[in-house]
């Protein structure tokens, strides 16, 4: 176990592969299934040659199996294990590889969010580990062999199956016989299209009248390290002779099936012939090595070999069905043969395009609303729009546009996009102004190229957030007032008022007197702009006062507006006449 653990740990040190025919952004990692949480899969920063700092990484697609370190770009496994045998792409026994796709956006924090994020797409090849034991279909297997069978004759033993693949699949079979059968039977394993076919070899003369059955033990072992194994009882029944196996008229059957075909629709007929007579020549047909999907969608008439639709087929779920049909005669020493059947599902334009809108980089999205600051430059990405069509061919070629007169447009976000699945950045086309318009409703329309065409729409509400880009303004810029001498300290002189086109704290104003010399005689309320006199004014000393006031907002950075205040002191009869 210690050696295996080190082998797995070394194998997890995956290597970045860029295939010769792929786009530059395509990344392929390899990792064994069932790795513990927080296992490092790969480092985007290192593999893409990016600096260690200054970038923000965000996992856009790949959860819940993956997580990404926002600072380093390292991709790790999560608490949800990656189980190859339960992943949909790995269930087809004819596919040797399966992949987990991911997308990561990278924002250059040095250039700022206005420069837009980059989108990296990649795949993780999930490698099989030996976590399943090979099993026979039943703990007791039966085999009928005619008496007087010639020495060296071969009889197929039901194969074992292993949910693992490659070297972890079935590797070898072995046979154990009792003392009464050790001179009569041996095991031979043939190889057919990478399948190991166990065959029982008759090594001696069988006489039903002496003994009509033998109990043997067959064992199967996989190729894992360490290997897994199981066994079954192989019961051999000696019967009268049936020496011909059914033979199919073709080596391979292939047909097309339009999707959405109703239940009961006949797909094709397979036919086999048997040179024997009577029950030894009567044939029953059955599906073999058929996945759960095939068994759910199709059935075969055991007598005629006609394959029928059992449940509605959807090409977007399965674009082909591949399986074997076994023809087995009804003789006491059953013989069988199998043939490969491929059914290609033909597309119909039964799916409208799907539009997915999600946040990208540092632009936040919540409940269909995106928030963007008014000071963002032209071309800032507001959202990532993914448009896809589950159909194929012309039915999946999608055109996508922004409807209406709004300052936004779509631009392709990924070089690896295809006609049926495209990713766009929704970008601004003009500078946004909170004071001019605070929100936009952006409707995106997607139309496929089918006949008739199908379309769909999705919308996004874009809210423009305020920045402190307006200076407080006094109106008028010169306040002039007449004020009588002989006042009381604290008397109101006048109101000065400024306005700010911003909102929130960016529009909250604080008033002040600029010249320190004026503050000896006058004061201003910081919140209301009311100017009051602090001391007694005497026209005979000063007839006119002039000073500047300021209104500063509370934004960042602070913006300040100024105005001039002129106070003319009016005379009162407060002096006695003097004789010259």
Protein backbone atom coordinates (compact mmCIF):
# COMPACT_ATOMS: atom_id res chain seq x y z
CA UNK A 1 0.00 0.00 0.00
CA UNK A 2 2.85 2.43 0.78
CA UNK A 3 4.34 1.91 -2.67
CA UNK A 4 0.93 2.45 -4.28
CA UNK A 5 0.35 5.63 -2.27
CA UNK A 6 3.66 7.11 -3.46
CA UNK A 7 2.88 6.04 -7.01
CA UNK A 8 -0.47 7.88 -6.90
CA UNK A 9 1.10 10.98 -5.34
CA UNK A 10 3.78 11.08 -8.01
CA UNK A 11 1.15 10.60 -10.70
CA UNK A 12 -0.87 13.54 -9.40
CA UNK A 13 2.07 15.76 -10.35
CA UNK A 14 0.32 16.22 -13.66
CA UNK A 15 1.97 17.62 -16.78
CA UNK A 16 0.48 20.41 -18.85
CA UNK A 17 -0.18 19.27 -22.41
CA UNK A 18 -1.04 21.52 -25.36
CA UNK A 19 -2.10 19.40 -28.33
CA UNK A 20 -0.71 20.36 -31.73
CA UNK A 21 -4.14 20.84 -33.27
CA UNK A 22 -5.74 22.77 -30.42
CA UNK A 23 -6.16 26.49 -29.92
CA UNK A 24 -3.41 28.19 -27.82
CA UNK A 25 -5.83 28.61 -24.92
CA UNK A 26 -6.66 24.91 -24.62
CA UNK A 27 -5.12 23.28 -21.53
CA UNK A 28 -5.11 19.60 -20.68
CA UNK A 29 -4.27 18.19 -17.25
CA UNK A 30 -4.34 14.57 -16.18
CA UNK A 31 -5.28 13.37 -12.73
CA UNK A 32 -6.34 10.00 -11.32
CA UNK A 33 -9.88 9.72 -10.00
CA UNK A 34 -10.74 9.64 -6.28
CA UNK A 35 -7.96 11.99 -5.18
CA UNK A 36 -8.31 13.51 -1.68
CA UNK A 37 -9.50 17.10 -1.20
CA UNK A 38 -6.97 19.88 -1.88
CA UNK A 39 -4.88 17.77 -4.26
CA UNK A 40 -2.98 20.08 -6.62
CA UNK A 41 -3.97 19.43 -10.24
CA UNK A 42 -2.07 22.20 -12.00
CA UNK A 43 -0.86 25.79 -11.79
CA UNK A 44 -2.22 28.18 -14.40
CA UNK A 45 0.30 30.89 -13.46
CA UNK A 46 3.26 28.59 -13.98
CA UNK A 47 1.83 26.83 -17.01
CA UNK A 48 0.83 30.07 -18.75
CA UNK A 49 4.05 31.89 -17.82
CA UNK A 50 2.32 34.56 -15.74
CA UNK A 51 3.92 36.51 -12.86
CA UNK A 52 3.42 35.16 -9.35
CA UNK A 53 1.53 38.27 -8.30
CA UNK A 54 -0.74 40.89 -9.80
CA UNK A 55 -3.44 38.62 -11.22
CA UNK A 56 -6.83 37.54 -9.88
CA UNK A 57 -8.02 34.07 -10.83
CA UNK A 58 -11.69 33.07 -10.69
CA UNK A 59 -13.21 29.66 -11.46
CA UNK A 60 -16.10 30.23 -13.86
CA UNK A 61 -16.88 26.56 -14.76
CA UNK A 62 -15.73 23.40 -12.97
CA UNK A 63 -17.43 23.39 -9.58
CA UNK A 64 -18.17 21.45 -7.42
CA UNK A 65 -15.24 19.19 -8.37
CA UNK A 66 -12.62 21.95 -8.62
CA UNK A 67 -11.52 25.12 -6.90
CA UNK A 68 -8.88 27.68 -7.91
CA UNK A 69 -6.60 29.76 -5.72
CA UNK A 70 -7.48 33.35 -6.60
CA UNK A 71 -3.92 34.61 -6.16
CA UNK A 72 -1.76 31.80 -7.58
CA UNK A 73 -4.04 30.19 -10.17
CA UNK A 74 -3.43 26.74 -8.64
CA UNK A 75 -6.29 24.29 -9.36
CA UNK A 76 -7.22 21.83 -6.58
CA UNK A 77 -9.68 19.05 -5.95
CA UNK A 78 -12.55 19.68 -3.51
CA UNK A 79 -14.54 17.70 -0.97
CA UNK A 80 -16.61 16.32 -3.87
CA UNK A 81 -14.55 13.39 -5.21
CA UNK A 82 -13.98 12.93 -8.94
CA UNK A 83 -15.32 9.41 -9.56
CA UNK A 84 -14.66 8.31 -13.12
CA UNK A 85 -17.28 5.57 -13.02
CA UNK A 86 -20.12 7.97 -12.12
CA UNK A 87 -19.21 10.69 -14.62
CA UNK A 88 -21.47 10.72 -17.64
CA UNK A 89 -18.66 11.02 -20.21
CA UNK A 90 -17.08 7.82 -18.86
CA UNK A 91 -20.13 5.56 -18.93
CA UNK A 92 -19.82 4.59 -22.59
CA UNK A 93 -17.68 1.41 -22.71
CA UNK A 94 -16.48 2.38 -26.22
CA UNK A 95 -14.86 5.62 -25.00
CA UNK A 96 -11.43 5.13 -23.44
CA UNK A 97 -11.09 8.67 -22.13
CA UNK A 98 -13.24 11.06 -20.18
CA UNK A 99 -12.74 14.71 -19.39
CA UNK A 100 -13.82 17.32 -16.86
CA UNK A 101 -14.01 20.77 -18.44
CA UNK A 102 -13.15 24.00 -16.62
CA UNK A 103 -12.98 27.74 -17.29
CA UNK A 104 -10.94 30.30 -15.35
CA UNK A 105 -11.02 34.07 -15.80
CA UNK A 106 -7.79 36.00 -15.18
CA UNK A 107 -7.88 39.71 -14.33
CA UNK A 108 -4.69 41.76 -14.50
CA UNK A 109 -4.96 43.80 -11.27
CA UNK A 110 -2.01 46.00 -12.31
CA UNK A 111 -3.83 47.24 -15.41
CA UNK A 112 -7.13 47.38 -13.53
CA UNK A 113 -10.50 45.78 -14.15
CA UNK A 114 -11.17 48.10 -17.05
CA UNK A 115 -8.66 46.20 -19.16
CA UNK A 116 -10.99 43.19 -19.05
CA UNK A 117 -10.34 39.65 -17.92
CA UNK A 118 -8.91 36.82 -19.98
CA UNK A 119 -10.79 33.55 -20.21
CA UNK A 120 -8.86 30.28 -20.15
CA UNK A 121 -10.61 27.03 -21.01
CA UNK A 122 -9.19 23.62 -20.28
CA UNK A 123 -9.94 19.99 -19.69
CA UNK A 124 -8.86 17.50 -17.08
CA UNK A 125 -8.50 13.92 -18.24
CA UNK A 126 -9.77 11.74 -15.40
CA UNK A 127 -7.58 8.66 -15.24
CA UNK A 128 -8.91 5.38 -14.03
CA UNK A 129 -7.72 3.76 -10.80
CA UNK A 130 -8.45 0.23 -9.78
CA UNK A 131 -11.43 0.80 -7.47
CA UNK A 132 -13.80 -1.85 -8.86
CA UNK A 133 -13.63 -5.63 -8.65
CA UNK A 134 -14.35 -7.65 -11.80
CA UNK A 135 -17.59 -9.60 -11.45
CA UNK A 136 -19.38 -12.37 -13.25
CA UNK A 137 -23.03 -11.84 -14.08
CA UNK A 138 -24.04 -14.52 -11.58
CA UNK A 139 -22.37 -16.48 -8.78
CA UNK A 140 -23.35 -19.64 -10.66
CA UNK A 141 -22.60 -19.90 -14.38
CA UNK A 142 -24.02 -22.71 -16.46
CA UNK A 143 -22.54 -24.28 -19.57
CA UNK A 144 -23.97 -27.11 -21.63
CA UNK A 145 -21.59 -29.41 -23.55
CA UNK A 146 -22.76 -32.27 -25.74
CA UNK A 147 -21.50 -35.69 -24.99
CA UNK A 148 -18.96 -37.12 -27.41
CA UNK A 149 -17.61 -33.64 -28.08
CA UNK A 150 -14.24 -33.99 -29.76
CA UNK A 151 -11.14 -33.25 -27.70
CA UNK A 152 -9.95 -29.67 -28.11
CA UNK A 153 -13.46 -28.25 -28.60
CA UNK A 154 -13.97 -24.75 -27.20
CA UNK A 155 -17.03 -23.43 -25.35
CA UNK A 156 -17.50 -19.79 -24.47
CA UNK A 157 -17.81 -18.99 -20.78
CA UNK A 158 -19.86 -15.89 -19.83
CA UNK A 159 -17.40 -13.02 -19.52
CA UNK A 160 -16.81 -11.03 -16.37
CA UNK A 161 -17.19 -7.26 -16.43
CA UNK A 162 -15.14 -4.59 -14.69
CA UNK A 163 -16.32 -0.97 -14.36
CA UNK A 164 -12.69 0.12 -14.49
CA UNK A 165 -10.93 0.53 -17.83
CA UNK A 166 -7.58 -0.03 -19.48
CA UNK A 167 -5.09 -2.05 -17.46
CA UNK A 168 -7.44 -1.90 -14.47
CA UNK A 169 -10.01 -3.92 -16.40
CA UNK A 170 -10.21 -7.69 -16.76
CA UNK A 171 -6.70 -9.09 -17.15
CA UNK A 172 -6.86 -12.86 -16.81
CA UNK A 173 -9.00 -15.88 -15.99
CA UNK A 174 -8.07 -19.11 -14.24
CA UNK A 175 -9.91 -22.39 -13.75
CA UNK A 176 -9.93 -24.79 -10.79
CA UNK A 177 -11.24 -28.33 -11.27
CA UNK A 178 -11.94 -31.14 -8.87
CA UNK A 179 -10.26 -34.55 -9.08
CA UNK A 180 -13.08 -35.90 -11.25
CA UNK A 181 -12.61 -33.17 -13.87
CA UNK A 182 -8.91 -32.29 -13.91
CA UNK A 183 -8.33 -34.52 -16.96
CA UNK A 184 -11.48 -33.38 -18.77
CA UNK A 185 -11.34 -29.56 -18.85
CA UNK A 186 -8.89 -26.69 -19.15
CA UNK A 187 -9.16 -22.97 -19.76
CA UNK A 188 -8.17 -20.98 -22.83
CA UNK A 189 -8.52 -17.20 -23.11
CA UNK A 190 -8.97 -15.67 -26.56
CA UNK A 191 -8.64 -11.97 -27.36
CA UNK A 192 -11.25 -10.26 -29.56
CA UNK A 193 -11.12 -6.46 -30.06
CA UNK A 194 -9.36 -5.97 -26.73
CA UNK A 195 -11.81 -8.28 -24.94
CA UNK A 196 -10.61 -11.39 -23.16
CA UNK A 197 -12.97 -14.26 -23.94
CA UNK A 198 -12.75 -17.21 -21.53
CA UNK A 199 -13.29 -20.55 -23.22
CA UNK A 200 -13.58 -23.98 -21.71
CA UNK A 201 -11.44 -26.56 -23.54
CA UNK A 202 -12.60 -30.18 -23.60
CA UNK A 203 -9.55 -32.33 -22.82
CA UNK A 204 -11.17 -35.76 -22.51
CA UNK A 205 -14.16 -37.84 -23.58
CA UNK A 206 -17.49 -36.90 -22.00
CA UNK A 207 -20.05 -39.60 -21.37
CA UNK A 208 -23.42 -38.34 -20.16
CA UNK A 209 -24.39 -41.80 -19.02
CA UNK A 210 -21.43 -41.88 -16.62
CA UNK A 211 -21.67 -38.31 -15.33
CA UNK A 212 -24.04 -35.58 -16.50
CA UNK A 213 -22.58 -32.51 -14.71
CA UNK A 214 -19.35 -31.07 -13.29
CA UNK A 215 -18.85 -28.17 -10.87
CA UNK A 216 -15.76 -26.08 -11.63
CA UNK A 217 -14.49 -22.80 -10.23
CA UNK A 218 -13.57 -19.92 -12.53
CA UNK A 219 -11.65 -16.93 -11.22
CA UNK A 220 -11.16 -13.51 -12.81
CA UNK A 221 -8.38 -11.04 -11.92
CA UNK A 222 -7.96 -7.46 -13.12
CA UNK A 223 -4.66 -5.78 -14.02
CA UNK A 224 -4.60 -3.25 -11.19
CA UNK A 225 -1.86 -2.86 -8.62
CA UNK A 226 -2.78 -4.46 -6.32
CA UNK A 227 -5.13 -6.61 -8.40
CA UNK A 228 -8.77 -7.33 -7.56
CA UNK A 229 -10.38 -10.71 -8.12
CA UNK A 230 -13.63 -12.66 -7.78
CA UNK A 231 -14.82 -16.13 -8.70
CA UNK A 232 -17.96 -18.02 -9.69
CA UNK A 233 -19.14 -21.59 -9.81
CA UNK A 234 -19.07 -22.91 -13.38
CA UNK A 235 -21.56 -25.76 -13.68
CA UNK A 236 -20.99 -27.88 -16.80
CA UNK A 237 -23.94 -29.97 -17.93
CA UNK A 238 -23.29 -32.79 -20.42
CA UNK A 239 -26.09 -32.94 -23.03
CA UNK A 240 -26.84 -34.32 -26.41
CA UNK A 241 -24.92 -32.72 -29.30
CA UNK A 242 -25.69 -29.30 -30.82
CA UNK A 243 -22.72 -28.50 -33.04
CA UNK A 244 -23.61 -25.30 -34.91
CA UNK A 245 -23.72 -21.73 -33.60
CA UNK A 246 -26.03 -19.10 -35.09
CA UNK A 247 -24.37 -16.95 -37.75
CA UNK A 248 -25.40 -13.36 -38.50
CA UNK A 249 -25.98 -12.29 -42.09
CA UNK A 250 -23.74 -9.22 -41.58
CA UNK A 251 -20.60 -8.47 -39.63
CA UNK A 252 -21.92 -5.08 -38.52
CA UNK A 253 -25.39 -3.51 -38.52
CA UNK A 254 -25.80 0.26 -38.79
CA UNK A 255 -28.92 2.42 -39.07
CA UNK A 256 -30.15 6.01 -38.67
CA UNK A 257 -32.91 6.93 -36.24
CA UNK A 258 -34.58 10.38 -36.26
CA UNK A 259 -34.71 11.79 -32.75
CA UNK A 260 -38.16 12.08 -31.17
CA UNK A 261 -39.28 8.90 -32.97
CA UNK A 262 -42.29 7.50 -31.09
CA UNK A 263 -42.26 4.38 -28.95
CA UNK A 264 -42.85 1.29 -31.06
CA UNK A 265 -41.00 2.66 -34.10
CA UNK A 266 -38.91 -0.11 -35.70
CA UNK A 267 -35.25 0.75 -36.22
CA UNK A 268 -33.77 -2.29 -37.97
CA UNK A 269 -33.79 -6.06 -37.96
CA UNK A 270 -30.81 -8.29 -37.27
CA UNK A 271 -30.94 -11.83 -38.62
CA UNK A 272 -28.90 -14.93 -37.87
CA UNK A 273 -29.13 -18.46 -39.25
CA UNK A 274 -28.36 -21.80 -37.58
CA UNK A 275 -27.51 -24.91 -39.61
CA UNK A 276 -28.93 -27.16 -36.92
CA UNK A 277 -32.54 -28.36 -36.91
CA UNK A 278 -35.31 -28.43 -34.35
CA UNK A 279 -34.77 -26.56 -31.13
CA UNK A 280 -31.02 -26.59 -31.82
CA UNK A 281 -31.71 -24.27 -34.77
CA UNK A 282 -34.29 -21.99 -33.14
CA UNK A 283 -32.78 -18.61 -32.24
CA UNK A 284 -33.43 -16.07 -29.49
CA UNK A 285 -32.05 -12.52 -29.77
CA UNK A 286 -30.99 -10.31 -26.87
CA UNK A 287 -29.07 -7.09 -26.27
CA UNK A 288 -25.51 -7.57 -25.01
CA UNK A 289 -23.05 -5.08 -23.52
CA UNK A 290 -25.82 -2.51 -23.71
CA UNK A 291 -25.50 0.51 -21.45
CA UNK A 292 -28.32 1.63 -19.18
CA UNK A 293 -29.18 4.24 -21.80
CA UNK A 294 -29.54 1.65 -24.56
CA UNK A 295 -31.69 -0.58 -22.37
CA UNK A 296 -33.91 2.39 -21.49
CA UNK A 297 -34.38 3.56 -25.09
CA UNK A 298 -34.48 0.33 -27.12
CA UNK A 299 -35.85 -3.20 -26.99
CA UNK A 300 -35.42 -6.20 -29.27
CA UNK A 301 -37.99 -8.80 -30.19
CA UNK A 302 -36.37 -12.02 -29.02
CA UNK A 303 -37.91 -14.08 -31.83
CA UNK A 304 -37.64 -11.78 -34.89
CA UNK A 305 -34.54 -9.69 -34.07
CA UNK A 306 -36.42 -6.45 -34.81
CA UNK A 307 -35.15 -3.55 -32.69
CA UNK A 308 -37.84 -1.10 -31.57
CA UNK A 309 -37.87 2.32 -29.90
CA UNK A 310 -38.84 1.85 -26.27
CA UNK A 311 -38.72 5.47 -25.08
CA UNK A 312 -38.27 8.76 -26.94
CA UNK A 313 -34.70 9.31 -28.13
CA UNK A 314 -33.06 12.73 -27.78
CA UNK A 315 -29.96 13.31 -29.92
CA UNK A 316 -28.85 16.08 -27.58
CA UNK A 317 -28.53 13.45 -24.84
CA UNK A 318 -27.06 10.64 -26.99
CA UNK A 319 -25.96 11.17 -30.60
CA UNK A 320 -25.33 7.47 -31.19
CA UNK A 321 -26.11 4.14 -29.57
CA UNK A 322 -23.65 1.26 -29.85
CA UNK A 323 -24.16 -2.23 -28.48
CA UNK A 324 -24.01 -5.92 -29.35
CA UNK A 325 -26.85 -8.29 -30.18
CA UNK A 326 -26.42 -11.92 -29.20
CA UNK A 327 -28.10 -14.71 -31.15
CA UNK A 328 -28.46 -17.84 -29.02
CA UNK A 329 -29.99 -21.11 -30.17
CA UNK A 330 -32.43 -23.09 -28.07
CA UNK A 331 -30.51 -26.34 -28.08
CA UNK A 332 -29.59 -28.05 -24.82
CA UNK A 333 -25.95 -27.11 -25.45
CA UNK A 334 -26.64 -23.49 -26.27
CA UNK A 335 -24.41 -21.84 -28.83
CA UNK A 336 -24.32 -18.15 -29.50
CA UNK A 337 -22.70 -15.45 -31.55
CA UNK A 338 -22.79 -11.67 -31.39
CA UNK A 339 -22.75 -8.76 -33.80
CA UNK A 340 -22.04 -5.05 -33.30
CA UNK A 341 -24.94 -2.65 -33.89
CA UNK A 342 -24.53 1.12 -34.31
CA UNK A 343 -27.55 3.43 -34.41
CA UNK A 344 -26.83 7.04 -35.34
CA UNK A 345 -29.38 9.53 -34.02
CA UNK A 346 -30.43 12.05 -36.69
CA UNK A 347 -30.94 15.61 -35.51
CA UNK A 348 -34.16 17.62 -35.74
CA UNK A 349 -34.38 21.31 -34.91
CA UNK A 350 -36.19 20.78 -31.63
CA UNK A 351 -34.07 22.98 -29.38
CA UNK A 352 -34.06 26.76 -29.23
CA UNK A 353 -30.71 28.41 -28.46
CA UNK A 354 -29.89 28.75 -24.77
CA UNK A 355 -28.51 32.05 -23.48
CA UNK A 356 -26.59 32.09 -20.22
CA UNK A 357 -25.51 35.41 -18.72
CA UNK A 358 -23.05 35.43 -15.84
CA UNK A 359 -20.59 37.73 -14.15
CA UNK A 360 -17.02 38.01 -15.33
CA UNK A 361 -13.96 39.17 -13.45
CA UNK A 362 -14.73 41.84 -10.87
CA UNK A 363 -18.11 42.96 -12.24
CA UNK A 364 -20.63 41.64 -9.72
CA UNK A 365 -23.91 40.00 -10.71
CA UNK A 366 -26.83 39.23 -8.44
CA UNK A 367 -30.40 38.29 -9.34
CA UNK A 368 -29.96 39.33 -12.96
CA UNK A 369 -28.41 42.71 -12.13
CA UNK A 370 -24.87 43.86 -12.99
CA UNK A 371 -23.28 46.86 -11.28
CA UNK A 372 -20.66 48.92 -13.11
CA UNK A 373 -19.01 52.17 -12.12
CA UNK A 374 -19.60 55.18 -14.36
CA UNK A 375 -15.86 55.82 -14.68
CA UNK A 376 -15.13 52.52 -16.45
CA UNK A 377 -13.50 52.98 -19.89
CA UNK A 378 -15.16 52.13 -23.19
CA UNK A 379 -14.95 48.39 -23.89
CA UNK A 380 -15.26 47.29 -20.25
CA UNK A 381 -16.78 43.75 -20.04
CA UNK A 382 -20.05 43.81 -18.10
CA UNK A 383 -20.95 40.12 -18.45
CA UNK A 384 -19.97 36.84 -20.09
CA UNK A 385 -22.71 35.63 -22.43
CA UNK A 386 -22.67 31.98 -23.47
CA UNK A 387 -24.96 30.97 -26.33
CA UNK A 388 -25.38 27.30 -27.19
CA UNK A 389 -27.72 25.07 -29.17
CA UNK A 390 -28.08 21.39 -28.38
CA UNK A 391 -28.93 20.56 -31.99
CA UNK A 392 -26.25 19.94 -34.63
CA UNK A 393 -25.31 21.13 -38.10
CA UNK A 394 -27.23 24.13 -39.45
CA UNK A 395 -29.77 23.66 -36.66
CA UNK A 396 -27.03 24.59 -34.18
CA UNK A 397 -25.52 27.59 -36.01
CA UNK A 398 -26.55 30.52 -33.80
CA UNK A 399 -26.55 34.27 -34.41
CA UNK A 400 -26.57 36.47 -31.31
CA UNK A 401 -27.23 40.23 -31.07
CA UNK A 402 -28.04 42.94 -28.54
CA UNK A 403 -31.52 44.31 -29.16
CA UNK A 404 -32.44 47.98 -28.98
CA UNK A 405 -30.46 51.19 -28.70
CA UNK A 406 -28.21 50.60 -25.70
CA UNK A 407 -24.48 51.36 -25.30
CA UNK A 408 -23.44 47.70 -25.23
CA UNK A 409 -22.24 45.19 -27.81
CA UNK A 410 -21.14 41.55 -27.99
CA UNK A 411 -17.57 40.53 -28.80
CA UNK A 412 -16.24 36.95 -28.95
CA UNK A 413 -14.52 36.00 -25.70
CA UNK A 414 -12.90 32.68 -26.65
CA UNK A 415 -10.90 31.60 -29.69
CA UNK A 416 -12.12 28.03 -29.27
CA UNK A 417 -15.81 28.90 -29.74
CA UNK A 418 -17.71 26.92 -32.38
CA UNK A 419 -20.95 27.58 -34.23
CA UNK A 420 -23.08 25.73 -31.68
CA UNK A 421 -21.42 27.13 -28.56
CA UNK A 422 -20.08 30.66 -28.43
CA UNK A 423 -18.93 32.88 -25.60
CA UNK A 424 -19.13 36.65 -25.79
CA UNK A 425 -18.10 39.56 -23.64
CA UNK A 426 -20.91 42.11 -23.28
CA UNK A 427 -18.86 45.33 -23.49
CA UNK A 428 -19.66 49.01 -23.14
CA UNK A 429 -19.53 51.07 -26.35
CA UNK A 430 -19.60 54.55 -24.79
CA UNK A 431 -18.68 56.18 -21.50
CA UNK A 432 -21.46 55.73 -18.94
CA UNK A 433 -22.75 58.72 -16.97
CA UNK A 434 -24.64 58.11 -13.73
CA UNK A 435 -26.02 61.63 -13.80
CA UNK A 436 -27.41 61.06 -17.32
CA UNK A 437 -28.87 57.53 -17.01
CA UNK A 438 -28.60 55.25 -14.00
CA UNK A 439 -29.73 51.89 -15.39
CA UNK A 440 -30.13 50.00 -18.66
CA UNK A 441 -32.16 46.94 -19.61
CA UNK A 442 -30.10 44.89 -22.07
CA UNK A 443 -31.96 42.25 -24.09
CA UNK A 444 -29.94 39.61 -25.92
CA UNK A 445 -31.54 37.67 -28.80
CA UNK A 446 -30.22 34.37 -30.22
CA UNK A 447 -31.57 32.77 -33.43
CA UNK A 448 -30.51 29.41 -34.88
CA UNK A 449 -30.28 28.56 -38.59
CA UNK A 450 -32.84 25.76 -38.61
CA UNK A 451 -35.93 25.68 -40.83
CA UNK A 452 -38.06 26.96 -39.26
CA UNK A 453 -35.62 28.92 -37.11
CA UNK A 454 -35.95 28.89 -33.33
CA UNK A 455 -35.02 31.82 -31.13
CA UNK A 456 -34.73 32.77 -27.48
CA UNK A 457 -34.02 35.88 -25.43
CA UNK A 458 -32.44 36.72 -22.12
CA UNK A 459 -31.98 40.05 -20.42
CA UNK A 460 -29.69 41.78 -17.98
CA UNK A 461 -30.26 44.89 -15.90
CA UNK A 462 -27.13 47.06 -15.77
CA UNK A 463 -26.98 49.55 -12.92
CA UNK A 464 -24.48 52.42 -13.20
CA UNK A 465 -22.88 53.33 -9.87
CA UNK A 466 -21.89 56.89 -9.03
CA UNK A 467 -18.33 58.24 -8.75
CA UNK A 468 -17.39 61.69 -7.50
CA UNK A 469 -17.01 63.40 -10.87
CA UNK A 470 -18.96 66.63 -10.25
CA UNK A 471 -17.81 69.77 -8.37
CA UNK A 472 -20.26 71.60 -6.08
CA UNK A 473 -21.64 74.73 -7.76
CA UNK A 474 -22.83 77.95 -6.09
CA UNK A 475 -25.61 79.87 -7.78
CA UNK A 476 -24.99 82.73 -7.93
CA UNK A 477 -21.22 82.79 -7.59
CA UNK A 478 -21.37 86.21 -5.87
CA UNK A 479 -23.70 86.75 -2.92
CA UNK A 480 -24.17 90.46 -2.05
CA UNK A 481 -26.31 91.62 0.87
CA UNK A 482 -26.99 94.83 2.85
CA UNK A 483 -26.71 94.46 6.60
CA UNK A 484 -27.33 97.18 9.18
CA UNK A 485 -24.72 98.08 11.76
CA UNK A 486 -25.51 97.81 15.42
CA UNK A 487 -26.37 94.14 15.18
CA UNK A 488 -26.38 91.48 17.85
CA UNK A 489 -23.72 88.73 17.78
CA UNK A 490 -25.19 85.60 16.17
CA UNK A 491 -27.57 87.49 13.87
CA UNK A 492 -28.13 85.81 10.48
CA UNK A 493 -26.61 87.69 7.57
CA UNK A 494 -27.51 85.51 4.57
CA UNK A 495 -27.78 81.94 3.16
CA UNK A 496 -25.26 80.60 0.66
CA UNK A 497 -26.36 77.44 -1.19
CA UNK A 498 -24.41 75.08 -3.47
CA UNK A 499 -25.58 71.99 -5.39
CA UNK A 500 -23.77 68.79 -6.48
CA UNK A 501 -24.96 66.61 -9.40
CA UNK A 502 -23.55 63.46 -7.78
CA UNK A 503 -25.45 61.31 -5.30
CA UNK A 504 -24.99 59.85 -1.85
CA UNK A 505 -21.92 60.95 0.06
CA UNK A 506 -20.54 62.36 -3.20
CA UNK A 507 -23.27 65.03 -2.99
CA UNK A 508 -23.15 65.74 0.76
CA UNK A 509 -21.63 69.23 1.22
CA UNK A 510 -19.61 70.93 3.96
CA UNK A 511 -19.48 74.77 3.95
CA UNK A 512 -16.57 76.87 5.20
CA UNK A 513 -15.10 80.40 5.06
CA UNK A 514 -11.81 80.44 3.19
CA UNK A 515 -10.11 83.65 4.51
CA UNK A 516 -9.04 83.40 8.12
CA UNK A 517 -9.37 87.19 8.52
CA UNK A 518 -13.10 86.95 7.86
CA UNK A 519 -13.65 84.33 10.53
CA UNK A 520 -13.04 86.95 13.25
CA UNK A 521 -16.33 88.63 12.39
CA UNK A 522 -18.33 85.97 10.55
CA UNK A 523 -19.10 82.25 10.81
CA UNK A 524 -20.88 79.76 8.53
CA UNK A 525 -22.91 76.68 9.42
CA UNK A 526 -21.00 73.75 7.88
CA UNK A 527 -24.20 71.84 7.06
CA UNK A 528 -26.69 74.57 6.04
CA UNK A 529 -24.52 77.39 4.64
CA UNK A 530 -26.10 80.03 6.93
CA UNK A 531 -23.68 82.96 7.47
CA UNK A 532 -23.93 84.74 10.84
CA UNK A 533 -22.14 87.71 12.37
CA UNK A 534 -20.02 87.00 15.42
CA UNK A 535 -19.35 90.57 16.61
CA UNK A 536 -20.85 94.05 16.47
CA UNK A 537 -20.40 95.75 13.08
CA UNK A 538 -19.71 99.50 12.88
CA UNK A 539 -20.14 101.18 9.50
CA UNK A 540 -17.96 104.05 10.65
CA UNK A 541 -15.08 101.56 10.96
CA UNK A 542 -15.73 99.38 7.85
CA UNK A 543 -18.43 99.96 5.26
CA UNK A 544 -17.93 96.78 3.20
CA UNK A 545 -16.75 93.22 3.80
CA UNK A 546 -15.80 90.76 1.07
CA UNK A 547 -14.62 87.16 1.52
CA UNK A 548 -14.86 83.75 -0.15
CA UNK A 549 -16.81 80.68 0.99
CA UNK A 550 -16.28 77.05 -0.06
CA UNK A 551 -18.54 73.99 -0.45
CA UNK A 552 -16.67 70.65 -0.33
CA UNK A 553 -18.32 67.27 -0.99
CA UNK A 554 -17.54 64.06 0.93
CA UNK A 555 -16.46 62.01 -2.08
CA UNK A 556 -13.08 60.55 -2.86
CA UNK A 557 -11.28 62.56 -4.02
CA UNK A 558 -12.94 65.63 -2.47
CA UNK A 559 -14.20 68.26 -4.92
CA UNK A 560 -14.68 71.90 -3.83
CA UNK A 561 -16.60 74.86 -5.26
CA UNK A 562 -16.23 78.53 -4.16
CA UNK A 563 -18.26 81.74 -4.16
CA UNK A 564 -17.74 85.36 -3.08
CA UNK A 565 -19.75 86.99 -0.29
CA UNK A 566 -20.10 90.82 -0.22
CA UNK A 567 -21.67 92.47 2.87
CA UNK A 568 -22.50 96.17 2.68
CA UNK A 569 -22.85 97.67 6.19
CA UNK A 570 -25.76 100.11 6.36
CA UNK A 571 -25.66 103.22 8.58
CA UNK A 572 -27.76 103.81 11.66
CA UNK A 573 -28.06 107.11 13.53
CA UNK A 574 -25.72 106.04 16.30
CA UNK A 575 -23.44 109.10 16.48
CA UNK A 576 -24.09 112.58 18.05
CA UNK A 577 -23.36 115.70 15.96
CA UNK A 578 -20.07 117.42 16.70
CA UNK A 579 -19.38 121.19 16.47
CA UNK A 580 -16.53 122.15 14.27
